[in-house]
PDB file of N, CA and C in Angstrom:
ATOM      1  N   MET A   1     -20.766  12.296  32.561  1.00  0.00           N
ATOM      2  CA  MET A   1     -19.467  12.674  31.442  1.00  0.00           C
ATOM      3  C   MET A   1     -19.475  11.262  30.531  1.00  0.00           C
ATOM      4  N   ARG A   2     -18.889  11.450  29.230  1.00  0.00           N
ATOM      5  CA  ARG A   2     -18.824  10.383  28.441  1.00  0.00           C
ATOM      6  C   ARG A   2     -17.351   9.986  28.403  1.00  0.00           C
ATOM      7  N   ASN A   3     -17.306   8.842  28.641  1.00  0.00           N
ATOM      8  CA  ASN A   3     -15.767   8.234  28.508  1.00  0.00           C
ATOM      9  C   ASN A   3     -15.404   8.160  27.188  1.00  0.00           C
ATOM     10  N   ARG A   4     -13.815   8.487  27.044  1.00  0.00           N
ATOM     11  CA  ARG A   4     -13.411   8.678  25.736  1.00  0.00           C
ATOM     12  C   ARG A   4     -12.952   7.566  25.268  1.00  0.00           C
ATOM     13  N   GLU A   5     -12.860   6.675  25.928  1.00  0.00           N
ATOM     14  CA  GLU A   5     -12.641   5.098  25.419  1.00  0.00           C
ATOM     15  C   GLU A   5     -13.578   4.376  24.535  1.00  0.00           C
ATOM     16  N   ILE A   6     -14.784   5.275  24.734  1.00  0.00           N
ATOM     17  CA  ILE A   6     -15.937   4.860  24.349  1.00  0.00           C
ATOM     18  C   ILE A   6     -16.290   5.465  22.906  1.00  0.00           C
ATOM     19  N   GLU A   7     -15.869   6.631  22.765  1.00  0.00           N
ATOM     20  CA  GLU A   7     -16.447   7.504  21.385  1.00  0.00           C
ATOM     21  C   GLU A   7     -16.073   6.573  20.296  1.00  0.00           C
ATOM     22  N   GLU A   8     -17.232   7.013  19.421  1.00  0.00           N
ATOM     23  CA  GLU A   8     -17.038   6.146  18.028  1.00  0.00           C
ATOM     24  C   GLU A   8     -15.897   6.727  17.379  1.00  0.00           C
ATOM     25  N   LYS A   9     -15.081   5.934  16.872  1.00  0.00           N
ATOM     26  CA  LYS A   9     -14.100   6.698  15.938  1.00  0.00           C
ATOM     27  C   LYS A   9     -14.340   6.438  14.640  1.00  0.00           C
ATOM     28  N   LYS A  10     -13.633   7.289  13.828  1.00  0.00           N
ATOM     29  CA  LYS A  10     -13.690   7.115  12.182  1.00  0.00           C
ATOM     30  C   LYS A  10     -12.404   6.621  11.665  1.00  0.00           C
ATOM     31  N   THR A  11     -11.867   5.773  12.527  1.00  0.00           N
ATOM     32  CA  THR A  11     -10.385   5.217  11.849  1.00  0.00           C
ATOM     33  C   THR A  11     -10.022   4.147  12.708  1.00  0.00           C
ATOM     34  N   LYS A  12      -9.373   3.229  11.925  1.00  0.00           N
ATOM     35  CA  LYS A  12      -8.998   1.952  12.742  1.00  0.00           C
ATOM     36  C   LYS A  12      -7.580   1.703  12.531  1.00  0.00           C
ATOM     37  N   GLN A  13      -6.857   1.441  13.336  1.00  0.00           N
ATOM     38  CA  GLN A  13      -5.491   0.762  13.502  1.00  0.00           C
ATOM     39  C   GLN A  13      -5.161  -0.930  13.104  1.00  0.00           C
ATOM     40  N   ILE A  14      -4.179  -0.896  12.503  1.00  0.00           N
ATOM     41  CA  ILE A  14      -3.889  -2.182  12.086  1.00  0.00           C
ATOM     42  C   ILE A  14      -2.317  -2.384  12.652  1.00  0.00           C
ATOM     43  N   VAL A  15      -1.910  -3.675  12.403  1.00  0.00           N
ATOM     44  CA  VAL A  15      -0.892  -4.010  13.270  1.00  0.00           C
ATOM     45  C   VAL A  15      -0.093  -4.604  11.802  1.00  0.00           C
ATOM     46  N   ILE A  16       1.202  -4.120  11.315  1.00  0.00           N
ATOM     47  CA  ILE A  16       1.760  -4.611  10.297  1.00  0.00           C
ATOM     48  C   ILE A  16       3.514  -5.013  10.499  1.00  0.00           C
ATOM     49  N   ASP A  17       3.992  -5.945   9.749  1.00  0.00           N
ATOM     50  CA  ASP A  17       4.978  -6.313   9.877  1.00  0.00           C
ATOM     51  C   ASP A  17       6.093  -5.102   9.986  1.00  0.00           C
ATOM     52  N   ILE A  18       7.215  -4.953  10.568  1.00  0.00           N
ATOM     53  CA  ILE A  18       8.156  -3.831  10.531  1.00  0.00           C
ATOM     54  C   ILE A  18       8.720  -3.727   9.270  1.00  0.00           C
ATOM     55  N   GLY A  19       9.100  -4.707   8.463  1.00  0.00           N
ATOM     56  CA  GLY A  19       9.740  -4.739   7.136  1.00  0.00           C
ATOM     57  C   GLY A  19       8.764  -4.147   6.348  1.00  0.00           C
ATOM     58  N   TYR A  20       7.401  -4.279   6.127  1.00  0.00           N
ATOM     59  CA  TYR A  20       6.529  -3.646   5.488  1.00  0.00           C
ATOM     60  C   TYR A  20       6.450  -2.240   5.803  1.00  0.00           C
ATOM     61  N   HIS A  21       6.542  -1.657   6.737  1.00  0.00           N
ATOM     62  CA  HIS A  21       6.599  -0.320   7.269  1.00  0.00           C
ATOM     63  C   HIS A  21       7.753   0.185   6.725  1.00  0.00           C
ATOM     64  N   GLN A  22       8.569  -0.604   7.097  1.00  0.00           N
ATOM     65  CA  GLN A  22       9.778   0.413   6.358  1.00  0.00           C
ATOM     66  C   GLN A  22       9.692   0.584   4.915  1.00  0.00           C
ATOM     67  N   MET A  23       9.366  -0.422   4.373  1.00  0.00           N
ATOM     68  CA  MET A  23       9.043  -0.233   2.739  1.00  0.00           C
ATOM     69  C   MET A  23       8.333   0.676   2.439  1.00  0.00           C
ATOM     70  N   ILE A  24       7.122   0.638   3.129  1.00  0.00           N
ATOM     71  CA  ILE A  24       6.140   1.830   2.844  1.00  0.00           C
ATOM     72  C   ILE A  24       6.422   3.256   3.443  1.00  0.00           C
ATOM     73  N   ARG A  25       7.097   3.563   4.294  1.00  0.00           N
ATOM     74  CA  ARG A  25       7.617   4.474   4.676  1.00  0.00           C
ATOM     75  C   ARG A  25       8.903   5.235   3.739  1.00  0.00           C
ATOM     76  N   ILE A  26       9.541   4.152   3.256  1.00  0.00           N
ATOM     77  CA  ILE A  26      10.393   4.810   2.039  1.00  0.00           C
ATOM     78  C   ILE A  26       9.765   5.148   0.737  1.00  0.00           C
ATOM     79  N   LEU A  27       8.807   4.156   0.448  1.00  0.00           N
ATOM     80  CA  LEU A  27       8.106   4.584  -0.792  1.00  0.00           C
ATOM     81  C   LEU A  27       7.238   5.996  -0.644  1.00  0.00           C
ATOM     82  N   ALA A  28       6.525   6.248   0.492  1.00  0.00           N
ATOM     83  CA  ALA A  28       5.980   7.596   0.732  1.00  0.00           C
ATOM     84  C   ALA A  28       7.061   8.551   0.651  1.00  0.00           C
ATOM     85  N   ALA A  29       8.115   8.366   1.450  1.00  0.00           N
ATOM     86  CA  ALA A  29       8.983   9.186   1.118  1.00  0.00           C
ATOM     87  C   ALA A  29       9.665   9.938  -0.003  1.00  0.00           C
ATOM     88  N   LYS A  30       9.674   9.025  -1.156  1.00  0.00           N
ATOM     89  CA  LYS A  30      10.078   9.033  -2.375  1.00  0.00           C
ATOM     90  C   LYS A  30       9.002   9.608  -3.149  1.00  0.00           C
ATOM     91  N   ARG A  31       7.631   9.614  -2.917  1.00  0.00           N
ATOM     92  CA  ARG A  31       6.576  10.297  -3.327  1.00  0.00           C
ATOM     93  C   ARG A  31       6.039  11.503  -2.935  1.00  0.00           C
ATOM     94  N   SER A  32       6.631  11.898  -1.968  1.00  0.00           N
ATOM     95  CA  SER A  32       6.489  13.249  -1.126  1.00  0.00           C
ATOM     96  C   SER A  32       5.120  13.325  -0.316  1.00  0.00           C
ATOM     97  N   MET A  33       4.839  12.023   0.237  1.00  0.00           N
ATOM     98  CA  MET A  33       3.238  12.078   0.779  1.00  0.00           C
ATOM     99  C   MET A  33       3.503  11.343   2.231  1.00  0.00           C
ATOM    100  N   THR A  34       2.296  11.352   2.724  1.00  0.00           N
ATOM    101  CA  THR A  34       2.462  10.954   4.321  1.00  0.00           C
ATOM    102  C   THR A  34       2.295   9.291   3.979  1.00  0.00           C
ATOM    103  N   ILE A  35       2.443   8.638   4.819  1.00  0.00           N
ATOM    104  CA  ILE A  35       2.155   6.864   5.078  1.00  0.00           C
ATOM    105  C   ILE A  35       0.669   6.733   4.665  1.00  0.00           C
ATOM    106  N   LYS A  36       0.117   7.547   5.496  1.00  0.00           N
ATOM    107  CA  LYS A  36      -1.359   7.302   5.336  1.00  0.00           C
ATOM    108  C   LYS A  36      -2.136   7.683   4.174  1.00  0.00           C
ATOM    109  N   THR A  37      -1.542   8.832   3.200  1.00  0.00           N
ATOM    110  CA  THR A  37      -2.076   8.900   1.819  1.00  0.00           C
ATOM    111  C   THR A  37      -1.775   7.964   1.120  1.00  0.00           C
ATOM    112  N   LEU A  38      -0.634   7.310   1.298  1.00  0.00           N
ATOM    113  CA  LEU A  38      -0.058   6.447   0.374  1.00  0.00           C
ATOM    114  C   LEU A  38      -0.898   4.901   0.611  1.00  0.00           C
ATOM    115  N   VAL A  39      -1.219   4.637   1.922  1.00  0.00           N
ATOM    116  CA  VAL A  39      -1.808   3.601   2.019  1.00  0.00           C
ATOM    117  C   VAL A  39      -3.203   3.479   1.600  1.00  0.00           C
ATOM    118  N   GLU A  40      -3.730   4.644   2.141  1.00  0.00           N
ATOM    119  CA  GLU A  40      -5.374   4.887   1.470  1.00  0.00           C
ATOM    120  C   GLU A  40      -5.249   4.586   0.150  1.00  0.00           C
ATOM    121  N   GLY A  41      -4.506   5.088  -0.639  1.00  0.00           N
ATOM    122  CA  GLY A  41      -4.215   5.152  -2.215  1.00  0.00           C
ATOM    123  C   GLY A  41      -4.452   3.961  -2.784  1.00  0.00           C
ATOM    124  N   LEU A  42      -3.327   3.117  -1.940  1.00  0.00           N
ATOM    125  CA  LEU A  42      -3.076   1.860  -2.319  1.00  0.00           C
ATOM    126  C   LEU A  42      -4.039   0.798  -2.053  1.00  0.00           C
ATOM    127  N   ILE A  43      -5.088   1.277  -0.848  1.00  0.00           N
ATOM    128  CA  ILE A  43      -6.174   0.144  -0.611  1.00  0.00           C
ATOM    129  C   ILE A  43      -7.149   0.695  -1.431  1.00  0.00           C
ATOM    130  N   ALA A  44      -7.443   1.784  -1.890  1.00  0.00           N
ATOM    131  CA  ALA A  44      -8.605   2.434  -2.425  1.00  0.00           C
ATOM    132  C   ALA A  44      -8.243   1.666  -4.284  1.00  0.00           C
ATOM    133  N   ASP A  45      -7.122   1.814  -4.707  1.00  0.00           N
ATOM    134  CA  ASP A  45      -6.741   1.234  -6.162  1.00  0.00           C
ATOM    135  C   ASP A  45      -7.071  -0.303  -6.049  1.00  0.00           C
ATOM    136  N   GLU A  46      -6.905  -1.121  -4.853  1.00  0.00           N
ATOM    137  CA  GLU A  46      -7.365  -2.709  -5.158  1.00  0.00           C
ATOM    138  C   GLU A  46      -8.799  -2.919  -4.459  1.00  0.00           C
ATOM    139  N   VAL A  47      -9.427  -2.156  -4.173  1.00  0.00           N
ATOM    140  CA  VAL A  47     -10.725  -1.975  -3.712  1.00  0.00           C
ATOM    141  C   VAL A  47     -11.212  -1.855  -5.407  1.00  0.00           C
ATOM    142  N   ALA A  48     -10.802  -0.831  -6.053  1.00  0.00           N
ATOM    143  CA  ALA A  48     -11.612  -0.466  -7.238  1.00  0.00           C
ATOM    144  C   ALA A  48     -11.436  -1.651  -8.363  1.00  0.00           C
ATOM    145  N   LYS A  49     -10.025  -2.055  -8.145  1.00  0.00           N
ATOM    146  CA  LYS A  49     -10.011  -3.290  -9.241  1.00  0.00           C
ATOM    147  C   LYS A  49     -10.990  -4.395  -8.816  1.00  0.00           C
ATOM    148  N   GLU A  50     -11.196  -4.873  -7.541  1.00  0.00           N
ATOM    149  CA  GLU A  50     -11.891  -5.914  -7.346  1.00  0.00           C
ATOM    150  C   GLU A  50     -13.559  -5.553  -7.736  1.00  0.00           C
ATOM    151  N   ASN A  51     -13.826  -4.200  -7.276  1.00  0.00           N
ATOM    152  CA  ASN A  51     -15.280  -4.081  -7.986  1.00  0.00           C
ATOM    153  C   ASN A  51     -15.517  -4.052  -9.344  1.00  0.00           C
ATOM    154  N   MET A  52     -14.528  -3.580 -10.252  1.00  0.00           N
ATOM    155  CA  MET A  52     -14.476  -4.086 -11.544  1.00  0.00           C
ATOM    156  C   MET A  52     -14.543  -5.400 -12.033  1.00  0.00           C
ATOM    157  N   GLN A  53     -14.195  -6.526 -11.383  1.00  0.00           N
ATOM    158  CA  GLN A  53     -14.156  -7.705 -11.774  1.00  0.00           C
ATOM    159  C   GLN A  53     -15.513  -8.477 -11.895  1.00  0.00           C
TER     160      GLN A  53
END
């Protein structure tokens, strides 16, 4: 039997300051999207900018 803790996961968790979390939660609500969708979009935009330079 395989241990569930060892399974390869396709996601990672990060720890952020509570203030940033609140700002992100409010912005996500204003845009009618989930926090995950908002953060992934922001990260994708920044990575795209870096790759264009």
